Amino acid sequence: MVFSKPADSVAFAKESLEESYLNLEEGNWLKVAINKSIIDMKENAFCGEPIRKNLIPKEYIKLYKINNLWWYPLPNAWRLLYSLVTPENKELLAIIIEFMNHKDYERRF
């Protein structure tokens, strides 16, 4: 069964992460890819691939109080990690946790 539900909003988990994204030059391949991921999440919050709960890094659980984690493939073997939250069960928010190259992704998991 495939879920499909648009995210009401997409946000960055940390201000420093959002600043890193905003500081990328317009047209930069990574910024273009992240923009596409945001559009995709707004169309379907479940567009990424789920990461098994036992593989979610404990630091993410502690820092962000999440119980789910998804990865979205970016070009050049990069990954975008995000979580879905439903504050007060009123809306579905996609929270971007991190974006990284494949080597760092493999180390993390």
PDB file of N, CA and C in Angstrom:
ATOM      1  N   MET A   1       0.835  -1.171   0.000  1.00  0.00           N
ATOM      2  CA  MET A   1       0.000   0.000   0.000  1.00  0.00           C
ATOM      3  C   MET A   1       0.888   1.246   0.000  1.00  0.00           C
ATOM      4  N   VAL A   2       0.649   2.129  -0.927  1.00  0.00           N
ATOM      5  CA  VAL A   2       1.427   3.347  -1.050  1.00  0.00           C
ATOM      6  C   VAL A   2       0.586   4.516  -0.539  1.00  0.00           C
ATOM      7  N   PHE A   3       1.173   5.268   0.398  1.00  0.00           N
ATOM      8  CA  PHE A   3       0.481   6.434   0.936  1.00  0.00           C
ATOM      9  C   PHE A   3       0.746   7.631   0.037  1.00  0.00           C
ATOM     10  N   SER A   4      -0.214   8.498  -0.041  1.00  0.00           N
ATOM     11  CA  SER A   4      -0.045   9.739  -0.772  1.00  0.00           C
ATOM     12  C   SER A   4      -0.846  10.820  -0.074  1.00  0.00           C
ATOM     13  N   LYS A   5      -0.141  11.779   0.473  1.00  0.00           N
ATOM     14  CA  LYS A   5      -0.797  12.897   1.135  1.00  0.00           C
ATOM     15  C   LYS A   5       0.161  14.079   1.058  1.00  0.00           C
ATOM     16  N   PRO A   6      -0.316  15.220   0.624  1.00  0.00           N
ATOM     17  CA  PRO A   6       0.582  16.371   0.541  1.00  0.00           C
ATOM     18  C   PRO A   6       0.957  16.899   1.914  1.00  0.00           C
ATOM     19  N   ALA A   7       2.181  17.372   2.028  1.00  0.00           N
ATOM     20  CA  ALA A   7       2.600  18.046   3.259  1.00  0.00           C
ATOM     21  C   ALA A   7       1.992  19.442   3.248  1.00  0.00           C
ATOM     22  N   ASP A   8       1.453  19.843   4.374  1.00  0.00           N
ATOM     23  CA  ASP A   8       0.898  21.191   4.477  1.00  0.00           C
ATOM     24  C   ASP A   8       2.011  22.237   4.445  1.00  0.00           C
ATOM     25  N   SER A   9       3.185  21.831   4.924  1.00  0.00           N
ATOM     26  CA  SER A   9       4.316  22.752   4.967  1.00  0.00           C
ATOM     27  C   SER A   9       5.608  21.938   5.022  1.00  0.00           C
ATOM     28  N   VAL A  10       6.690  22.553   4.553  1.00  0.00           N
ATOM     29  CA  VAL A  10       8.022  21.954   4.634  1.00  0.00           C
ATOM     30  C   VAL A  10       8.919  22.973   5.325  1.00  0.00           C
ATOM     31  N   ALA A  11       9.656  22.527   6.336  1.00  0.00           N
ATOM     32  CA  ALA A  11      10.524  23.425   7.094  1.00  0.00           C
ATOM     33  C   ALA A  11      11.854  22.733   7.369  1.00  0.00           C
ATOM     34  N   PHE A  12      12.821  23.526   7.755  1.00  0.00           N
ATOM     35  CA  PHE A  12      14.127  22.991   8.136  1.00  0.00           C
ATOM     36  C   PHE A  12      14.163  22.825   9.652  1.00  0.00           C
ATOM     37  N   ALA A  13      14.787  21.759  10.105  1.00  0.00           N
ATOM     38  CA  ALA A  13      14.841  21.458  11.531  1.00  0.00           C
ATOM     39  C   ALA A  13      15.701  22.463  12.290  1.00  0.00           C
ATOM     40  N   LYS A  14      16.749  22.955  11.641  1.00  0.00           N
ATOM     41  CA  LYS A  14      17.659  23.895  12.295  1.00  0.00           C
ATOM     42  C   LYS A  14      17.843  25.122  11.411  1.00  0.00           C
ATOM     43  N   GLU A  15      17.963  26.244  12.048  1.00  0.00           N
ATOM     44  CA  GLU A  15      18.186  27.491  11.311  1.00  0.00           C
ATOM     45  C   GLU A  15      19.489  27.430  10.515  1.00  0.00           C
ATOM     46  N   SER A  16      20.520  26.827  11.085  1.00  0.00           N
ATOM     47  CA  SER A  16      21.814  26.737  10.402  1.00  0.00           C
ATOM     48  C   SER A  16      21.712  25.899   9.129  1.00  0.00           C
ATOM     49  N   LEU A  17      20.871  24.887   9.131  1.00  0.00           N
ATOM     50  CA  LEU A  17      20.672  24.070   7.938  1.00  0.00           C
ATOM     51  C   LEU A  17      19.963  24.885   6.858  1.00  0.00           C
ATOM     52  N   GLU A  18      18.956  25.637   7.264  1.00  0.00           N
ATOM     53  CA  GLU A  18      18.247  26.493   6.309  1.00  0.00           C
ATOM     54  C   GLU A  18      19.192  27.548   5.736  1.00  0.00           C
ATOM     55  N   GLU A  19      20.059  28.108   6.570  1.00  0.00           N
ATOM     56  CA  GLU A  19      21.027  29.089   6.093  1.00  0.00           C
ATOM     57  C   GLU A  19      21.985  28.474   5.080  1.00  0.00           C
ATOM     58  N   SER A  20      22.429  27.239   5.333  1.00  0.00           N
ATOM     59  CA  SER A  20      23.310  26.545   4.385  1.00  0.00           C
ATOM     60  C   SER A  20      22.627  26.401   3.034  1.00  0.00           C
ATOM     61  N   TYR A  21      21.355  26.038   3.082  1.00  0.00           N
ATOM     62  CA  TYR A  21      20.555  25.901   1.853  1.00  0.00           C
ATOM     63  C   TYR A  21      20.404  27.252   1.157  1.00  0.00           C
ATOM     64  N   LEU A  22      20.031  28.282   1.915  1.00  0.00           N
ATOM     65  CA  LEU A  22      19.806  29.606   1.326  1.00  0.00           C
ATOM     66  C   LEU A  22      21.090  30.216   0.776  1.00  0.00           C
ATOM     67  N   ASN A  23      22.236  29.858   1.348  1.00  0.00           N
ATOM     68  CA  ASN A  23      23.513  30.396   0.891  1.00  0.00           C
ATOM     69  C   ASN A  23      24.030  29.740  -0.389  1.00  0.00           C
ATOM     70  N   LEU A  24      23.399  28.640  -0.800  1.00  0.00           N
ATOM     71  CA  LEU A  24      23.777  28.035  -2.070  1.00  0.00           C
ATOM     72  C   LEU A  24      23.372  28.986  -3.197  1.00  0.00           C
ATOM     73  N   GLU A  25      24.200  29.096  -4.213  1.00  0.00           N
ATOM     74  CA  GLU A  25      23.903  29.989  -5.326  1.00  0.00           C
ATOM     75  C   GLU A  25      22.691  29.478  -6.104  1.00  0.00           C
ATOM     76  N   GLU A  26      21.914  30.421  -6.633  1.00  0.00           N
ATOM     77  CA  GLU A  26      20.793  30.039  -7.489  1.00  0.00           C
ATOM     78  C   GLU A  26      21.365  29.251  -8.669  1.00  0.00           C
ATOM     79  N   GLY A  27      20.711  28.192  -9.039  1.00  0.00           N
ATOM     80  CA  GLY A  27      21.191  27.360 -10.134  1.00  0.00           C
ATOM     81  C   GLY A  27      22.159  26.282  -9.699  1.00  0.00           C
ATOM     82  N   ASN A  28      22.655  26.341  -8.471  1.00  0.00           N
ATOM     83  CA  ASN A  28      23.532  25.294  -7.954  1.00  0.00           C
ATOM     84  C   ASN A  28      22.762  23.974  -7.982  1.00  0.00           C
ATOM     85  N   TRP A  29      23.400  22.903  -8.429  1.00  0.00           N
ATOM     86  CA  TRP A  29      22.703  21.622  -8.597  1.00  0.00           C
ATOM     87  C   TRP A  29      22.049  21.154  -7.298  1.00  0.00           C
ATOM     88  N   LEU A  30      22.719  21.405  -6.149  1.00  0.00           N
ATOM     89  CA  LEU A  30      22.175  20.947  -4.878  1.00  0.00           C
ATOM     90  C   LEU A  30      20.937  21.765  -4.491  1.00  0.00           C
ATOM     91  N   LYS A  31      21.000  23.067  -4.706  1.00  0.00           N
ATOM     92  CA  LYS A  31      19.844  23.915  -4.388  1.00  0.00           C
ATOM     93  C   LYS A  31      18.662  23.558  -5.287  1.00  0.00           C
ATOM     94  N   VAL A  32      18.931  23.331  -6.564  1.00  0.00           N
ATOM     95  CA  VAL A  32      17.873  22.924  -7.498  1.00  0.00           C
ATOM     96  C   VAL A  32      17.243  21.607  -7.037  1.00  0.00           C
ATOM     97  N   ALA A  33      18.072  20.660  -6.622  1.00  0.00           N
ATOM     98  CA  ALA A  33      17.579  19.354  -6.175  1.00  0.00           C
ATOM     99  C   ALA A  33      16.773  19.469  -4.882  1.00  0.00           C
ATOM    100  N   ILE A  34      17.237  20.297  -3.950  1.00  0.00           N
ATOM    101  CA  ILE A  34      16.496  20.480  -2.703  1.00  0.00           C
ATOM    102  C   ILE A  34      15.156  21.162  -2.992  1.00  0.00           C
ATOM    103  N   ASN A  35      15.175  22.147  -3.892  1.00  0.00           N
ATOM    104  CA  ASN A  35      13.914  22.789  -4.289  1.00  0.00           C
ATOM    105  C   ASN A  35      12.932  21.760  -4.839  1.00  0.00           C
ATOM    106  N   LYS A  36      13.427  20.847  -5.681  1.00  0.00           N
ATOM    107  CA  LYS A  36      12.565  19.805  -6.240  1.00  0.00           C
ATOM    108  C   LYS A  36      12.031  18.897  -5.140  1.00  0.00           C
ATOM    109  N   SER A  37      12.876  18.566  -4.167  1.00  0.00           N
ATOM    110  CA  SER A  37      12.419  17.700  -3.072  1.00  0.00           C
ATOM    111  C   SER A  37      11.312  18.381  -2.272  1.00  0.00           C
ATOM    112  N   ILE A  38      11.443  19.688  -2.063  1.00  0.00           N
ATOM    113  CA  ILE A  38      10.419  20.428  -1.327  1.00  0.00           C
ATOM    114  C   ILE A  38       9.106  20.423  -2.092  1.00  0.00           C
ATOM    115  N   ILE A  39       9.172  20.635  -3.396  1.00  0.00           N
ATOM    116  CA  ILE A  39       7.965  20.583  -4.229  1.00  0.00           C
ATOM    117  C   ILE A  39       7.344  19.194  -4.161  1.00  0.00           C
ATOM    118  N   ASP A  40       8.191  18.160  -4.264  1.00  0.00           N
ATOM    119  CA  ASP A  40       7.689  16.784  -4.206  1.00  0.00           C
ATOM    120  C   ASP A  40       7.025  16.481  -2.865  1.00  0.00           C
ATOM    121  N   MET A  41       7.623  16.959  -1.764  1.00  0.00           N
ATOM    122  CA  MET A  41       7.027  16.720  -0.442  1.00  0.00           C
ATOM    123  C   MET A  41       5.695  17.444  -0.296  1.00  0.00           C
ATOM    124  N   LYS A  42       5.590  18.621  -0.891  1.00  0.00           N
ATOM    125  CA  LYS A  42       4.327  19.351  -0.831  1.00  0.00           C
ATOM    126  C   LYS A  42       3.235  18.643  -1.643  1.00  0.00           C
ATOM    127  N   GLU A  43       3.657  17.884  -2.653  1.00  0.00           N
ATOM    128  CA  GLU A  43       2.695  17.097  -3.437  1.00  0.00           C
ATOM    129  C   GLU A  43       2.380  15.766  -2.770  1.00  0.00           C
ATOM    130  N   ASN A  44       3.404  15.158  -2.174  1.00  0.00           N
ATOM    131  CA  ASN A  44       3.239  13.875  -1.489  1.00  0.00           C
ATOM    132  C   ASN A  44       4.324  13.749  -0.421  1.00  0.00           C
ATOM    133  N   ALA A  45       3.942  13.905   0.821  1.00  0.00           N
ATOM    134  CA  ALA A  45       4.907  13.860   1.926  1.00  0.00           C
ATOM    135  C   ALA A  45       5.622  12.510   2.013  1.00  0.00           C
ATOM    136  N   PHE A  46       5.040  11.487   1.429  1.00  0.00           N
ATOM    137  CA  PHE A  46       5.611  10.139   1.487  1.00  0.00           C
ATOM    138  C   PHE A  46       6.441   9.822   0.231  1.00  0.00           C
ATOM    139  N   CYS A  47       6.959  10.851  -0.434  1.00  0.00           N
ATOM    140  CA  CYS A  47       7.691  10.652  -1.687  1.00  0.00           C
ATOM    141  C   CYS A  47       9.064  10.014  -1.481  1.00  0.00           C
ATOM    142  N   GLY A  48       9.605  10.091  -0.288  1.00  0.00           N
ATOM    143  CA  GLY A  48      10.908   9.493  -0.011  1.00  0.00           C
ATOM    144  C   GLY A  48      10.782   8.028   0.359  1.00  0.00           C
ATOM    145  N   GLU A  49      11.881   7.484   0.791  1.00  0.00           N
ATOM    146  CA  GLU A  49      11.921   6.087   1.233  1.00  0.00           C
ATOM    147  C   GLU A  49      12.022   6.063   2.758  1.00  0.00           C
ATOM    148  N   PRO A  50      11.179   5.272   3.425  1.00  0.00           N
ATOM    149  CA  PRO A  50      11.259   5.226   4.886  1.00  0.00           C
ATOM    150  C   PRO A  50      12.521   4.504   5.361  1.00  0.00           C
ATOM    151  N   ILE A  51      13.031   4.967   6.470  1.00  0.00           N
ATOM    152  CA  ILE A  51      14.171   4.313   7.133  1.00  0.00           C
ATOM    153  C   ILE A  51      13.610   3.546   8.321  1.00  0.00           C
ATOM    154  N   ARG A  52      14.016   2.289   8.457  1.00  0.00           N
ATOM    155  CA  ARG A  52      13.504   1.468   9.567  1.00  0.00           C
ATOM    156  C   ARG A  52      13.754   2.160  10.902  1.00  0.00           C
ATOM    157  N   LYS A  53      12.785   2.050  11.781  1.00  0.00           N
ATOM    158  CA  LYS A  53      12.840   2.737  13.079  1.00  0.00           C
ATOM    159  C   LYS A  53      14.097   2.395  13.869  1.00  0.00           C
ATOM    160  N   ASN A  54      14.536   1.139  13.818  1.00  0.00           N
ATOM    161  CA  ASN A  54      15.715   0.755  14.588  1.00  0.00           C
ATOM    162  C   ASN A  54      17.007   1.340  14.009  1.00  0.00           C
ATOM    163  N   LEU A  55      16.931   1.932  12.810  1.00  0.00           N
ATOM    164  CA  LEU A  55      18.112   2.547  12.199  1.00  0.00           C
ATOM    165  C   LEU A  55      18.141   4.066  12.361  1.00  0.00           C
ATOM    166  N   ILE A  56      17.078   4.640  12.890  1.00  0.00           N
ATOM    167  CA  ILE A  56      17.060   6.093  13.080  1.00  0.00           C
ATOM    168  C   ILE A  56      18.126   6.441  14.124  1.00  0.00           C
ATOM    169  N   PRO A  57      19.055   7.325  13.772  1.00  0.00           N
ATOM    170  CA  PRO A  57      20.104   7.682  14.738  1.00  0.00           C
ATOM    171  C   PRO A  57      19.515   8.226  16.041  1.00  0.00           C
ATOM    172  N   LYS A  58      20.028   7.734  17.130  1.00  0.00           N
ATOM    173  CA  LYS A  58      19.531   8.144  18.453  1.00  0.00           C
ATOM    174  C   LYS A  58      19.655   9.656  18.661  1.00  0.00           C
ATOM    175  N   GLU A  59      20.683  10.248  18.066  1.00  0.00           N
ATOM    176  CA  GLU A  59      20.847  11.694  18.205  1.00  0.00           C
ATOM    177  C   GLU A  59      19.679  12.447  17.556  1.00  0.00           C
ATOM    178  N   TYR A  60      19.135  11.914  16.468  1.00  0.00           N
ATOM    179  CA  TYR A  60      17.968  12.539  15.834  1.00  0.00           C
ATOM    180  C   TYR A  60      16.747  12.421  16.747  1.00  0.00           C
ATOM    181  N   ILE A  61      16.587  11.255  17.324  1.00  0.00           N
ATOM    182  CA  ILE A  61      15.433  11.022  18.211  1.00  0.00           C
ATOM    183  C   ILE A  61      15.518  11.969  19.409  1.00  0.00           C
ATOM    184  N   LYS A  62      16.699  12.091  19.974  1.00  0.00           N
ATOM    185  CA  LYS A  62      16.883  12.942  21.147  1.00  0.00           C
ATOM    186  C   LYS A  62      16.746  14.426  20.802  1.00  0.00           C
ATOM    187  N   LEU A  63      17.393  14.832  19.731  1.00  0.00           N
ATOM    188  CA  LEU A  63      17.433  16.241  19.358  1.00  0.00           C
ATOM    189  C   LEU A  63      16.104  16.741  18.781  1.00  0.00           C
ATOM    190  N   TYR A  64      15.485  15.941  17.927  1.00  0.00           N
ATOM    191  CA  TYR A  64      14.294  16.399  17.210  1.00  0.00           C
ATOM    192  C   TYR A  64      12.996  15.751  17.692  1.00  0.00           C
ATOM    193  N   LYS A  65      13.107  14.793  18.612  1.00  0.00           N
ATOM    194  CA  LYS A  65      11.916  14.103  19.155  1.00  0.00           C
ATOM    195  C   LYS A  65      11.074  13.477  18.033  1.00  0.00           C
ATOM    196  N   ILE A  66      11.748  12.786  17.112  1.00  0.00           N
ATOM    197  CA  ILE A  66      11.054  12.169  15.983  1.00  0.00           C
ATOM    198  C   ILE A  66      10.897  10.673  16.193  1.00  0.00           C
ATOM    199  N   ASN A  67       9.939  10.090  15.496  1.00  0.00           N
ATOM    200  CA  ASN A  67       9.753   8.641  15.536  1.00  0.00           C
ATOM    201  C   ASN A  67       9.694   8.048  14.132  1.00  0.00           C
ATOM    202  N   ASN A  68      10.007   8.880  13.125  1.00  0.00           N
ATOM    203  CA  ASN A  68      10.073   8.395  11.752  1.00  0.00           C
ATOM    204  C   ASN A  68      11.134   9.197  11.014  1.00  0.00           C
ATOM    205  N   LEU A  69      11.705   8.584   9.997  1.00  0.00           N
ATOM    206  CA  LEU A  69      12.729   9.246   9.197  1.00  0.00           C
ATOM    207  C   LEU A  69      12.634   8.715   7.774  1.00  0.00           C
ATOM    208  N   TRP A  70      12.765   9.606   6.836  1.00  0.00           N
ATOM    209  CA  TRP A  70      12.673   9.290   5.411  1.00  0.00           C
ATOM    210  C   TRP A  70      13.911   9.818   4.718  1.00  0.00           C
ATOM    211  N   TRP A  71      14.316   9.158   3.630  1.00  0.00           N
ATOM    212  CA  TRP A  71      15.407   9.694   2.826  1.00  0.00           C
ATOM    213  C   TRP A  71      14.887   9.930   1.418  1.00  0.00           C
ATOM    214  N   TYR A  72      15.375  10.993   0.845  1.00  0.00           N
ATOM    215  CA  TYR A  72      14.991  11.391  -0.510  1.00  0.00           C
ATOM    216  C   TYR A  72      16.268  11.442  -1.334  1.00  0.00           C
ATOM    217  N   PRO A  73      16.310  10.772  -2.489  1.00  0.00           N
ATOM    218  CA  PRO A  73      17.538  10.759  -3.284  1.00  0.00           C
ATOM    219  C   PRO A  73      17.758  12.087  -4.012  1.00  0.00           C
ATOM    220  N   LEU A  74      18.969  12.605  -3.897  1.00  0.00           N
ATOM    221  CA  LEU A  74      19.385  13.799  -4.612  1.00  0.00           C
ATOM    222  C   LEU A  74      20.433  13.393  -5.642  1.00  0.00           C
ATOM    223  N   PRO A  75      20.697  14.225  -6.646  1.00  0.00           N
ATOM    224  CA  PRO A  75      21.731  13.886  -7.639  1.00  0.00           C
ATOM    225  C   PRO A  75      23.100  13.692  -6.989  1.00  0.00           C
ATOM    226  N   ASN A  76      23.985  13.079  -7.752  1.00  0.00           N
ATOM    227  CA  ASN A  76      25.375  12.854  -7.330  1.00  0.00           C
ATOM    228  C   ASN A  76      25.463  12.040  -6.045  1.00  0.00           C
ATOM    229  N   ALA A  77      24.500  11.148  -5.851  1.00  0.00           N
ATOM    230  CA  ALA A  77      24.458  10.226  -4.705  1.00  0.00           C
ATOM    231  C   ALA A  77      24.309  10.948  -3.369  1.00  0.00           C
ATOM    232  N   TRP A  78      23.735  12.128  -3.365  1.00  0.00           N
ATOM    233  CA  TRP A  78      23.429  12.824  -2.120  1.00  0.00           C
ATOM    234  C   TRP A  78      22.087  12.350  -1.604  1.00  0.00           C
ATOM    235  N   ARG A  79      21.836  12.589  -0.320  1.00  0.00           N
ATOM    236  CA  ARG A  79      20.581  12.197   0.335  1.00  0.00           C
ATOM    237  C   ARG A  79      20.044  13.376   1.142  1.00  0.00           C
ATOM    238  N   LEU A  80      18.732  13.498   1.165  1.00  0.00           N
ATOM    239  CA  LEU A  80      18.065  14.461   2.027  1.00  0.00           C
ATOM    240  C   LEU A  80      17.266  13.647   3.035  1.00  0.00           C
ATOM    241  N   LEU A  81      17.428  13.942   4.307  1.00  0.00           N
ATOM    242  CA  LEU A  81      16.715  13.231   5.365  1.00  0.00           C
ATOM    243  C   LEU A  81      15.629  14.130   5.921  1.00  0.00           C
ATOM    244  N   TYR A  82      14.445  13.571   6.084  1.00  0.00           N
ATOM    245  CA  TYR A  82      13.349  14.354   6.636  1.00  0.00           C
ATOM    246  C   TYR A  82      12.439  13.491   7.492  1.00  0.00           C
ATOM    247  N   SER A  83      11.667  14.155   8.323  1.00  0.00           N
ATOM    248  CA  SER A  83      10.717  13.473   9.191  1.00  0.00           C
ATOM    249  C   SER A  83       9.353  14.108   8.983  1.00  0.00           C
ATOM    250  N   LEU A  84       8.312  13.332   9.237  1.00  0.00           N
ATOM    251  CA  LEU A  84       6.944  13.826   9.132  1.00  0.00           C
ATOM    252  C   LEU A  84       6.359  13.958  10.531  1.00  0.00           C
ATOM    253  N   VAL A  85       5.794  15.108  10.804  1.00  0.00           N
ATOM    254  CA  VAL A  85       5.185  15.358  12.109  1.00  0.00           C
ATOM    255  C   VAL A  85       3.781  15.919  11.905  1.00  0.00           C
ATOM    256  N   THR A  86       2.941  15.678  12.896  1.00  0.00           N
ATOM    257  CA  THR A  86       1.560  16.167  12.847  1.00  0.00           C
ATOM    258  C   THR A  86       1.236  16.890  14.145  1.00  0.00           C
ATOM    259  N   PRO A  87       1.648  18.159  14.256  1.00  0.00           N
ATOM    260  CA  PRO A  87       1.348  18.900  15.488  1.00  0.00           C
ATOM    261  C   PRO A  87      -0.158  18.975  15.726  1.00  0.00           C
ATOM    262  N   GLU A  88      -0.548  18.573  16.905  1.00  0.00           N
ATOM    263  CA  GLU A  88      -1.956  18.602  17.323  1.00  0.00           C
ATOM    264  C   GLU A  88      -2.882  17.861  16.344  1.00  0.00           C
ATOM    265  N   ASN A  89      -2.312  16.949  15.556  1.00  0.00           N
ATOM    266  CA  ASN A  89      -3.069  16.167  14.575  1.00  0.00           C
ATOM    267  C   ASN A  89      -3.892  17.025  13.624  1.00  0.00           C
ATOM    268  N   LYS A  90      -3.393  18.244  13.349  1.00  0.00           N
ATOM    269  CA  LYS A  90      -4.133  19.146  12.480  1.00  0.00           C
ATOM    270  C   LYS A  90      -3.520  19.282  11.098  1.00  0.00           C
ATOM    271  N   GLU A  91      -2.209  19.142  11.001  1.00  0.00           N
ATOM    272  CA  GLU A  91      -1.548  19.307   9.720  1.00  0.00           C
ATOM    273  C   GLU A  91      -0.362  18.358   9.623  1.00  0.00           C
ATOM    274  N   LEU A  92       0.065  18.111   8.413  1.00  0.00           N
ATOM    275  CA  LEU A  92       1.209  17.240   8.164  1.00  0.00           C
ATOM    276  C   LEU A  92       2.379  18.107   7.738  1.00  0.00           C
ATOM    277  N   LEU A  93       3.432  18.085   8.537  1.00  0.00           N
ATOM    278  CA  LEU A  93       4.620  18.876   8.252  1.00  0.00           C
ATOM    279  C   LEU A  93       5.788  17.963   7.904  1.00  0.00           C
ATOM    280  N   ALA A  94       6.529  18.343   6.884  1.00  0.00           N
ATOM    281  CA  ALA A  94       7.772  17.656   6.541  1.00  0.00           C
ATOM    282  C   ALA A  94       8.913  18.520   7.071  1.00  0.00           C
ATOM    283  N   ILE A  95       9.736  17.928   7.913  1.00  0.00           N
ATOM    284  CA  ILE A  95      10.842  18.648   8.536  1.00  0.00           C
ATOM    285  C   ILE A  95      12.159  18.107   7.967  1.00  0.00           C
ATOM    286  N   ILE A  96      12.886  18.963   7.269  1.00  0.00           N
ATOM    287  CA  ILE A  96      14.174  18.561   6.697  1.00  0.00           C
ATOM    288  C   ILE A  96      15.208  18.541   7.824  1.00  0.00           C
ATOM    289  N   ILE A  97      15.776  17.362   8.050  1.00  0.00           N
ATOM    290  CA  ILE A  97      16.737  17.154   9.132  1.00  0.00           C
ATOM    291  C   ILE A  97      18.166  17.434   8.665  1.00  0.00           C
ATOM    292  N   GLU A  98      18.479  16.963   7.450  1.00  0.00           N
ATOM    293  CA  GLU A  98      19.864  17.057   6.994  1.00  0.00           C
ATOM    294  C   GLU A  98      19.921  16.698   5.518  1.00  0.00           C
ATOM    295  N   PHE A  99      20.922  17.218   4.821  1.00  0.00           N
ATOM    296  CA  PHE A  99      21.257  16.725   3.483  1.00  0.00           C
ATOM    297  C   PHE A  99      22.748  16.470   3.468  1.00  0.00           C
ATOM    298  N   MET A 100      23.147  15.387   2.797  1.00  0.00           N
ATOM    299  CA  MET A 100      24.542  14.961   2.866  1.00  0.00           C
ATOM    300  C   MET A 100      24.902  14.094   1.666  1.00  0.00           C
ATOM    301  N   ASN A 101      26.201  13.948   1.467  1.00  0.00           N
ATOM    302  CA  ASN A 101      26.640  13.065   0.383  1.00  0.00           C
ATOM    303  C   ASN A 101      26.496  11.610   0.828  1.00  0.00           C
ATOM    304  N   HIS A 102      26.628  10.700  -0.131  1.00  0.00           N
ATOM    305  CA  HIS A 102      26.384   9.284   0.151  1.00  0.00           C
ATOM    306  C   HIS A 102      27.377   8.720   1.163  1.00  0.00           C
ATOM    307  N   LYS A 103      28.611   9.167   1.092  1.00  0.00           N
ATOM    308  CA  LYS A 103      29.630   8.668   2.024  1.00  0.00           C
ATOM    309  C   LYS A 103      29.247   9.009   3.473  1.00  0.00           C
ATOM    310  N   ASP A 104      28.830  10.246   3.715  1.00  0.00           N
ATOM    311  CA  ASP A 104      28.406  10.637   5.061  1.00  0.00           C
ATOM    312  C   ASP A 104      27.130   9.906   5.469  1.00  0.00           C
ATOM    313  N   TYR A 105      26.237   9.685   4.501  1.00  0.00           N
ATOM    314  CA  TYR A 105      25.008   8.943   4.760  1.00  0.00           C
ATOM    315  C   TYR A 105      25.337   7.524   5.222  1.00  0.00           C
ATOM    316  N   GLU A 106      26.247   6.867   4.511  1.00  0.00           N
ATOM    317  CA  GLU A 106      26.646   5.504   4.876  1.00  0.00           C
ATOM    318  C   GLU A 106      27.266   5.468   6.272  1.00  0.00           C
ATOM    319  N   ARG A 107      28.067   6.451   6.619  1.00  0.00           N
ATOM    320  CA  ARG A 107      28.666   6.504   7.956  1.00  0.00           C
ATOM    321  C   ARG A 107      27.589   6.665   9.029  1.00  0.00           C
ATOM    322  N   ARG A 108      26.598   7.491   8.736  1.00  0.00           N
ATOM    323  CA  ARG A 108      25.545   7.768   9.709  1.00  0.00           C
ATOM    324  C   ARG A 108      24.712   6.507   9.974  1.00  0.00           C
ATOM    325  N   PHE A 109      24.500   5.705   8.943  1.00  0.00           N
ATOM    326  CA  PHE A 109      23.639   4.529   9.098  1.00  0.00           C
ATOM    327  C   PHE A 109      24.430   3.255   9.039  1.00  0.00           C
TER     328      PHE A 109
END
